[in-house]
Structures are given as structure tokens and as C-alpha cells.
Amino acid sequence: MLKHLYLKSQLIIYVILILSSAGALPETSRLPAGRIIVIDKARKDLVLFMDGRQAARFPASFGIDPDSDKYKAFDCATPEGRYFITHKKFKSRFHRLLGISYPNLTNAENGLSAGVISIAEYKRIVEDIRKSVWTSCDTGLGCDIAIHGGGVFRYFGKTRERDWTEGCIALNDKDIEKLFDLCGSGDPVIIYNSRRNLYGIIRPFAHIKDFDDKGVPLCPDGVCTFLAEIPTSLGRMLFVLKEGKDYGRSISVTVYQGSAREKPLLVLVDRNADGYMSSMDSISGLDVYESSPDAAYEKVREAVIDALSRGDIADSGSRR
């Protein structure tokens, strides 16, 4: 009897080893924790962090419109914001593929406020996100955004193009193979554009403030208010962004050393969100930085870029 149990246990272990080597076990059982993918559209690169350390850096290319943030289907722009890997495909049209959770809730909120999607479509997208199921592709936001191979540069006839996708992130085939082996479903993906001013950098990471009793976003008097919070080297930054057809845009930044209950180190208001301090704008706590208003503004922007470049906001509601 004991001999039978021993042989049976050995058989089970053997099967487990075979399945593991064939890739049949869940990928999370073989991969290290703390993986974050960070993509800067301005630098045109993708960085993989593992447990806070840079593990790999690859050149990347983007949509045919490489500078804009994606806001609707077929705009050929690569989305910016906080996402995560939804699935992995060993074989795809462009070699290996890592699916990205576009659209997210911020995309849905923006699409609704811009009239790209209807209230019914917004509710359907939100429900899909909350259930962690595939988001429908039949809305105005589009879908099927991924990191894949195919090459950073691609030839179309005799023309060599750097940004050639319909909105995805493209890597060289050897690089997507490495990334594919190192990453797993659920890993955070941060996409941003460090070339923008502070409003443009923060906007894809901000969520709308006001909702009605049915969970539909509200924009009182045609002005939408968006909130974001990012930990930086200067302190925790709280952002309030406002935009509207007749209102224009504005951004305010409050920097705290510790909790939001403490006296802020700095409060900055840019009433037209142009990235510069003018007579219309205001700043308090400037003595903390011992600098001019514009220099302090740039320090805030650089601290945000630095935080994004390390993926420091990856855990701040990426699956909200």
C-alpha cells in the first residue's frame, strides 16, 4: 500500500514538472512579483521594472499619430494613462502580443463628456471593467490596444516609418520575446508623454469628481472637474483640473509633505493651464523652493515626470 502511494505521488510530481516546463501552469506561479511597465511616448521607449529596479529597456514606436492621447476609435493614437496587461498571445499578427486594458474608466469618462460615446455605452463599459471582462469593441472608444512585435521601424513600399501602428505599442521582435517571457497578466502599464505641460501629463491619470445617483459623470454648468493624486519626491501632490467648452482649462496643484491634513508646502494655480505663471495665476509657499514662480512650476512638473518614469502611481487604482 505504501509503495503504491509513493509511486502515485512520484507520478503526480512528474506530471506537474512536465506541465510547468510546457507552460501549462499559471504564469504567476513562475514570474517574480513587482513588475511594472512604463512607457514614455516622448522618449519612445519602454522600461520594465522588477521590484523597483530597472530590468529592461526597449525602443518603442506608437500610432501613426504618436503625439496625441487616444480618445476615439480609428484615431491612430496611442492611449495614455494607467492600464494593466489583460492577456498574452504567443502568436499574433505581429509576433508576440500583450493586451492592454484600454479603454479604462478615465477613457470612458472622457468619451462621455466629449460626446464620443452615449450614456448607455458608458454604463456598459463601466460594467465590463468592474466585472473584469472583455470591453466591447462596438463603442466610439475602440479597443484592441496592445504591446506587440513587428519592429520599431517598418517599411511601407520604400518608405521607412517609425510610428506605424493603429494605436498599439510596437517593439522589435527580439524585444517583445523578452518582455513576453518576463511579464504576466495583471502587471501595471503606465503610458505618458513627458513632452507635455503639467496639465497634459496629468489629464490621462485624472478621474471625474462629480456623479449623479446612477453613477453617470456630471459637469455642472458645462464644467467638468477631474482629480488626481501622485506621490513625488517633493511630496504628495493633489491635482484639480477643470475644463469646459466656454470655461477653457485650469489646473491647481497642492503639495503636502505628509498627509492632506497637514499645512501644504505649496499651492499653485494655473488658470489657463498653459504651463506658465502669469498675473492671472497664483502661487504660495514659493520660499520652500527658493526659486521663481516659473522655476517652481517646472520643478513640480519634473517631479511628476520622475514619479511616472518609475511607475510610482501603478498601484493607485489601476483597476478601479
Protein backbone atom coordinates (compact mmCIF):
# COMPACT_ATOMS: atom_id res chain seq x y z
CA MET A 1 0.00 0.00 0.00
CA LEU A 2 2.80 2.45 0.98
CA LYS A 3 4.71 1.56 -2.16
CA HIS A 4 1.60 2.28 -4.24
CA LEU A 5 1.12 5.71 -2.62
CA TYR A 6 4.80 6.54 -3.13
CA LEU A 7 4.65 5.69 -6.83
CA LYS A 8 1.42 7.66 -7.21
CA SER A 9 2.94 10.73 -5.56
CA GLN A 10 6.01 10.49 -7.79
CA LEU A 11 3.78 10.31 -10.86
CA ILE A 12 1.92 13.46 -9.77
CA ILE A 13 5.19 15.33 -9.26
CA TYR A 14 6.40 14.19 -12.69
CA VAL A 15 3.21 15.42 -14.38
CA ILE A 16 3.48 18.77 -12.60
CA LEU A 17 7.06 19.21 -13.78
CA ILE A 18 6.13 18.34 -17.36
CA LEU A 19 3.22 20.77 -17.38
CA SER A 20 5.32 23.51 -15.84
CA SER A 21 8.06 23.15 -18.44
CA ALA A 22 5.46 23.22 -21.20
CA GLY A 23 3.97 26.49 -19.93
CA ALA A 24 0.67 24.91 -18.87
CA LEU A 25 0.78 26.18 -15.28
CA PRO A 26 -0.43 29.71 -14.46
CA GLU A 27 2.25 32.21 -15.38
CA THR A 28 2.02 33.92 -12.00
CA SER A 29 3.45 30.78 -10.38
CA ARG A 30 6.73 31.24 -12.26
CA LEU A 31 7.19 35.01 -12.51
CA PRO A 32 8.59 37.42 -9.90
CA ALA A 33 6.30 39.96 -8.25
CA GLY A 34 6.56 43.75 -8.52
CA ARG A 35 6.60 44.06 -12.31
CA ILE A 36 5.68 47.43 -13.85
CA ILE A 37 5.87 48.52 -17.49
CA VAL A 38 6.49 52.24 -18.03
CA ILE A 39 6.21 53.80 -21.50
CA ASP A 40 7.22 57.38 -22.33
CA LYS A 41 5.92 58.43 -25.74
CA ALA A 42 8.33 61.38 -25.85
CA ARG A 43 11.42 59.23 -25.21
CA LYS A 44 9.99 56.49 -27.43
CA ASP A 45 10.95 53.72 -25.06
CA LEU A 46 9.51 51.03 -22.81
CA VAL A 47 11.05 50.27 -19.42
CA LEU A 48 10.33 47.18 -17.33
CA PHE A 49 10.78 47.47 -13.57
CA MET A 50 11.02 44.49 -11.25
CA ASP A 51 10.77 45.16 -7.53
CA GLY A 52 11.68 48.81 -8.05
CA ARG A 53 14.70 48.16 -10.25
CA GLN A 54 15.02 48.64 -13.98
CA ALA A 55 15.18 45.18 -15.52
CA ALA A 56 14.99 46.06 -19.23
CA ARG A 57 14.64 49.00 -21.61
CA PHE A 58 13.48 48.68 -25.21
CA PRO A 59 12.94 51.20 -28.05
CA ALA A 60 9.27 51.52 -28.99
CA SER A 61 7.07 53.01 -31.66
CA PHE A 62 3.46 54.14 -31.47
CA GLY A 63 0.43 55.03 -33.52
CA ILE A 64 0.55 56.97 -36.78
CA ASP A 65 -0.40 59.95 -34.58
CA PRO A 66 2.36 59.45 -31.97
CA ASP A 67 1.79 62.67 -30.01
CA SER A 68 -1.94 62.74 -29.25
CA ASP A 69 -3.69 60.84 -26.49
CA LYS A 70 -6.23 58.37 -27.84
CA TYR A 71 -9.83 59.48 -27.36
CA LYS A 72 -11.83 57.61 -30.00
CA ALA A 73 -11.75 54.65 -32.36
CA PHE A 74 -9.64 54.84 -35.53
CA ASP A 75 -7.74 57.99 -34.48
CA CYS A 76 -4.46 56.03 -34.74
CA ALA A 77 -3.23 57.49 -31.43
CA THR A 78 -1.69 55.52 -28.57
CA PRO A 79 -3.60 55.90 -25.28
CA GLU A 80 -2.02 57.47 -22.20
CA GLY A 81 -2.85 56.64 -18.60
CA ARG A 82 -2.80 53.77 -16.14
CA TYR A 83 -3.59 50.31 -17.53
CA PHE A 84 -2.65 46.67 -16.96
CA ILE A 85 -1.89 43.62 -19.07
CA THR A 86 -5.11 41.73 -19.79
CA HIS A 87 -3.80 38.71 -21.69
CA LYS A 88 -0.87 37.19 -23.56
CA LYS A 89 -0.80 35.72 -27.07
CA PHE A 90 2.20 33.68 -28.17
CA LYS A 91 1.29 34.07 -31.84
CA SER A 92 -0.40 37.13 -33.32
CA ARG A 93 -0.32 39.17 -36.49
CA PHE A 94 2.76 40.94 -35.14
CA HIS A 95 4.58 38.13 -33.33
CA ARG A 96 4.07 38.05 -29.51
CA LEU A 97 1.32 40.20 -28.00
CA LEU A 98 0.47 41.63 -24.57
CA GLY A 99 -3.07 43.01 -24.40
CA ILE A 100 -3.68 46.32 -22.57
CA SER A 101 -6.82 47.25 -20.61
CA TYR A 102 -7.95 50.07 -22.91
CA PRO A 103 -10.44 51.63 -22.51
CA ASN A 104 -10.21 52.31 -18.77
CA LEU A 105 -12.61 54.36 -16.65
CA THR A 106 -10.86 57.63 -17.42
CA ASN A 107 -11.23 56.89 -21.14
CA ALA A 108 -14.93 56.17 -20.62
CA GLU A 109 -15.44 59.38 -18.63
CA ASN A 110 -13.61 61.44 -21.25
CA GLY A 111 -15.51 59.77 -24.08
CA LEU A 112 -18.85 60.54 -22.45
CA SER A 113 -18.02 64.18 -21.68
CA ALA A 114 -16.75 64.67 -25.26
CA GLY A 115 -19.83 63.04 -26.81
CA VAL A 116 -17.81 60.19 -28.32
CA ILE A 117 -19.94 57.58 -26.52
CA SER A 118 -23.52 57.57 -25.22
CA ILE A 119 -24.61 57.14 -21.61
CA ALA A 120 -25.68 53.57 -22.43
CA GLU A 121 -22.24 52.81 -23.89
CA TYR A 122 -20.55 54.41 -20.88
CA LYS A 123 -22.54 52.26 -18.46
CA ARG A 124 -21.75 49.14 -20.48
CA ILE A 125 -18.01 49.89 -20.48
CA VAL A 126 -18.00 50.60 -16.74
CA GLU A 127 -19.87 47.38 -16.03
CA ASP A 128 -17.41 45.39 -18.15
CA ILE A 129 -14.47 46.94 -16.31
CA ARG A 130 -15.96 46.20 -12.90
CA LYS A 131 -16.61 42.58 -13.89
CA SER A 132 -13.09 42.28 -15.37
CA VAL A 133 -14.47 41.04 -18.68
CA TRP A 134 -13.59 41.99 -22.25
CA THR A 135 -14.68 45.53 -23.01
CA SER A 136 -16.92 45.69 -26.05
CA CYS A 137 -15.32 46.92 -29.28
CA ASP A 138 -18.51 48.39 -30.71
CA THR A 139 -18.31 51.77 -28.93
CA GLY A 140 -16.77 55.01 -30.16
CA LEU A 141 -13.69 54.46 -27.99
CA GLY A 142 -12.38 51.46 -29.91
CA CYS A 143 -10.36 48.64 -28.34
CA ASP A 144 -7.63 46.02 -29.02
CA ILE A 145 -4.68 48.12 -27.85
CA ALA A 146 -1.60 46.01 -27.16
CA ILE A 147 2.16 45.83 -26.92
CA HIS A 148 3.36 43.66 -29.80
CA GLY A 149 6.23 42.95 -32.16
CA GLY A 150 6.56 43.83 -35.80
CA GLY A 151 9.53 46.14 -35.43
CA VAL A 152 10.15 49.68 -34.22
CA PHE A 153 10.68 50.67 -37.85
CA ARG A 154 8.55 49.30 -40.66
CA TYR A 155 8.70 49.66 -44.44
CA PHE A 156 5.66 50.67 -46.49
CA GLY A 157 6.91 50.36 -50.02
CA LYS A 158 10.18 52.29 -49.98
CA THR A 159 9.14 54.46 -47.05
CA ARG A 160 10.60 53.66 -43.62
CA GLU A 161 8.26 54.68 -40.80
CA ARG A 162 9.00 54.88 -37.05
CA ASP A 163 5.40 55.28 -35.78
CA TRP A 164 3.23 52.99 -37.88
CA THR A 165 0.63 51.23 -35.71
CA GLU A 166 -3.09 51.94 -35.36
CA GLY A 167 -2.54 52.88 -31.72
CA CYS A 168 -0.56 49.98 -30.28
CA ILE A 169 2.99 49.96 -28.92
CA ALA A 170 5.39 48.14 -31.25
CA LEU A 171 8.73 46.60 -30.28
CA ASN A 172 11.36 44.72 -32.22
CA ASP A 173 10.56 41.00 -32.28
CA LYS A 174 13.52 40.01 -30.12
CA ASP A 175 12.48 42.59 -27.51
CA ILE A 176 8.81 41.54 -27.35
CA GLU A 177 10.01 37.96 -26.87
CA LYS A 178 11.99 39.03 -23.79
CA LEU A 179 9.16 41.16 -22.42
CA PHE A 180 6.62 38.41 -23.09
CA ASP A 181 8.65 35.94 -21.03
CA LEU A 182 9.14 38.38 -18.14
CA CYS A 183 5.60 39.78 -17.79
CA GLY A 184 2.23 38.38 -16.81
CA SER A 185 -1.45 39.27 -16.84
CA GLY A 186 -2.33 41.94 -14.29
CA ASP A 187 1.02 43.74 -14.47
CA PRO A 188 0.53 47.54 -14.43
CA VAL A 189 1.27 49.56 -17.57
CA ILE A 190 1.92 53.31 -17.28
CA ILE A 191 1.86 55.33 -20.53
CA TYR A 192 2.62 59.05 -20.54
CA ASN A 193 4.17 61.81 -22.65
CA SER A 194 6.90 63.76 -20.87
CA ARG A 195 6.90 66.38 -23.63
CA ARG A 196 3.57 67.85 -22.47
CA ASN A 197 2.97 70.62 -19.96
CA LEU A 198 1.72 69.65 -16.50
CA TYR A 199 -1.97 69.68 -17.46
CA GLY A 200 -1.36 67.42 -20.44
CA ILE A 201 0.73 64.99 -18.42
CA ILE A 202 -1.75 64.69 -15.55
CA ARG A 203 -5.00 64.68 -17.53
CA PRO A 204 -4.93 60.96 -18.58
CA PHE A 205 -4.50 59.95 -14.92
CA ALA A 206 -7.33 62.08 -13.51
CA HIS A 207 -10.85 60.89 -12.69
CA ILE A 208 -14.01 62.95 -12.80
CA LYS A 209 -15.19 64.32 -9.48
CA ASP A 210 -18.99 64.54 -9.75
CA PHE A 211 -21.51 61.76 -10.46
CA ASP A 212 -25.29 61.55 -10.30
CA ASP A 213 -27.14 58.96 -8.20
CA LYS A 214 -26.89 56.46 -11.11
CA GLY A 215 -23.12 56.77 -11.38
CA VAL A 216 -23.13 58.92 -14.51
CA PRO A 217 -20.45 61.68 -14.62
CA LEU A 218 -21.69 65.23 -14.16
CA CYS A 219 -20.29 68.51 -15.44
CA PRO A 220 -22.16 71.29 -13.57
CA ASP A 221 -22.71 74.37 -15.77
CA GLY A 222 -20.74 72.65 -18.52
CA VAL A 223 -17.52 72.47 -16.49
CA CYS A 224 -16.02 69.06 -15.72
CA THR A 225 -13.78 68.69 -12.66
CA PHE A 226 -11.14 65.97 -12.56
CA LEU A 227 -9.00 64.86 -9.62
CA ALA A 228 -5.64 63.10 -9.40
CA GLU A 229 -3.12 62.31 -6.67
CA ILE A 230 0.53 61.37 -7.22
CA PRO A 231 3.34 60.70 -4.70
CA THR A 232 6.52 62.54 -5.75
CA SER A 233 9.96 63.38 -4.40
CA LEU A 234 8.65 66.85 -3.45
CA GLY A 235 5.70 65.41 -1.56
CA ARG A 236 2.23 64.10 -2.25
CA MET A 237 0.58 66.19 -4.96
CA LEU A 238 -3.17 66.70 -5.26
CA PHE A 239 -4.43 67.98 -8.60
CA VAL A 240 -7.73 69.61 -9.53
CA LEU A 241 -8.27 70.01 -13.28
CA LYS A 242 -11.23 71.78 -14.83
CA GLU A 243 -12.32 72.03 -18.44
CA GLY A 244 -15.36 73.10 -20.39
CA LYS A 245 -16.32 74.46 -23.80
CA ASP A 246 -16.84 78.02 -22.56
CA TYR A 247 -14.61 77.69 -19.49
CA GLY A 248 -11.38 76.57 -21.12
CA ARG A 249 -8.93 74.75 -18.87
CA SER A 250 -7.35 75.26 -15.47
CA ILE A 251 -5.17 73.28 -13.08
CA SER A 252 -4.35 73.65 -9.41
CA VAL A 253 -1.65 71.73 -7.53
CA THR A 254 -1.35 71.31 -3.77
CA VAL A 255 1.83 69.73 -2.42
CA TYR A 256 1.89 68.09 1.02
CA GLN A 257 4.90 66.71 2.85
CA GLY A 258 2.78 64.11 4.59
CA SER A 259 -0.99 63.70 4.82
CA ALA A 260 -3.51 66.04 3.23
CA ARG A 261 -4.49 67.21 6.72
CA GLU A 262 -1.18 69.00 7.16
CA LYS A 263 -0.44 72.51 6.01
CA PRO A 264 0.55 72.35 2.34
CA LEU A 265 4.09 73.11 1.27
CA LEU A 266 2.98 74.73 -1.95
CA VAL A 267 -0.25 75.71 -3.68
CA LEU A 268 -0.12 76.58 -7.38
CA VAL A 269 -2.98 77.68 -9.62
CA ASP A 270 -2.61 77.94 -13.41
CA ARG A 271 -5.90 79.43 -14.54
CA ASN A 272 -5.47 78.74 -18.24
CA ALA A 273 -3.35 75.56 -17.87
CA ASP A 274 -0.70 76.84 -20.27
CA GLY A 275 2.22 75.72 -18.12
CA TYR A 276 3.40 79.24 -17.25
CA MET A 277 2.80 81.57 -14.32
CA SER A 278 1.22 84.88 -15.31
CA SER A 279 -0.51 87.73 -13.49
CA MET A 280 -3.74 85.69 -13.69
CA ASP A 281 -2.18 82.78 -11.80
CA SER A 282 -1.19 82.37 -8.16
CA ILE A 283 1.38 80.51 -6.08
CA SER A 284 2.01 80.29 -2.34
CA GLY A 285 4.82 78.57 -0.44
CA LEU A 286 7.38 79.63 -3.03
CA ASP A 287 10.05 80.07 -0.32
CA VAL A 288 10.18 76.27 0.02
CA TYR A 289 11.84 76.08 -3.39
CA GLU A 290 13.79 79.36 -3.18
CA SER A 291 13.05 80.00 -6.81
CA SER A 292 10.92 82.00 -9.23
CA PRO A 293 7.26 81.03 -9.86
CA ASP A 294 8.04 79.58 -13.29
CA ALA A 295 11.03 77.65 -11.93
CA ALA A 296 8.88 76.26 -9.10
CA TYR A 297 6.22 75.26 -11.64
CA GLU A 298 8.85 73.42 -13.67
CA LYS A 299 10.12 71.65 -10.54
CA VAL A 300 6.60 70.38 -9.90
CA ARG A 301 6.36 69.15 -13.50
CA GLU A 302 9.77 67.44 -13.32
CA ALA A 303 8.82 65.72 -10.04
CA VAL A 304 5.66 64.34 -11.67
CA ILE A 305 7.62 63.09 -14.69
CA ASP A 306 10.15 61.47 -12.37
CA ALA A 307 7.36 59.70 -10.44
CA LEU A 308 5.73 58.46 -13.65
CA SER A 309 9.07 57.30 -15.07
CA ARG A 310 9.47 54.97 -12.08
CA GLY A 311 5.87 53.77 -12.16
CA ASP A 312 5.18 55.17 -8.68
CA ILE A 313 1.44 55.52 -9.36
CA ALA A 314 0.98 51.97 -10.63
CA ASP A 315 -0.96 50.86 -7.56
CA SER A 316 -3.17 53.96 -7.36
CA GLY A 317 -6.38 52.49 -8.78
CA SER A 318 -5.17 50.89 -11.99
CA ARG A 319 -8.15 48.50 -11.80
CA ARG A 320 -10.60 50.97 -10.38
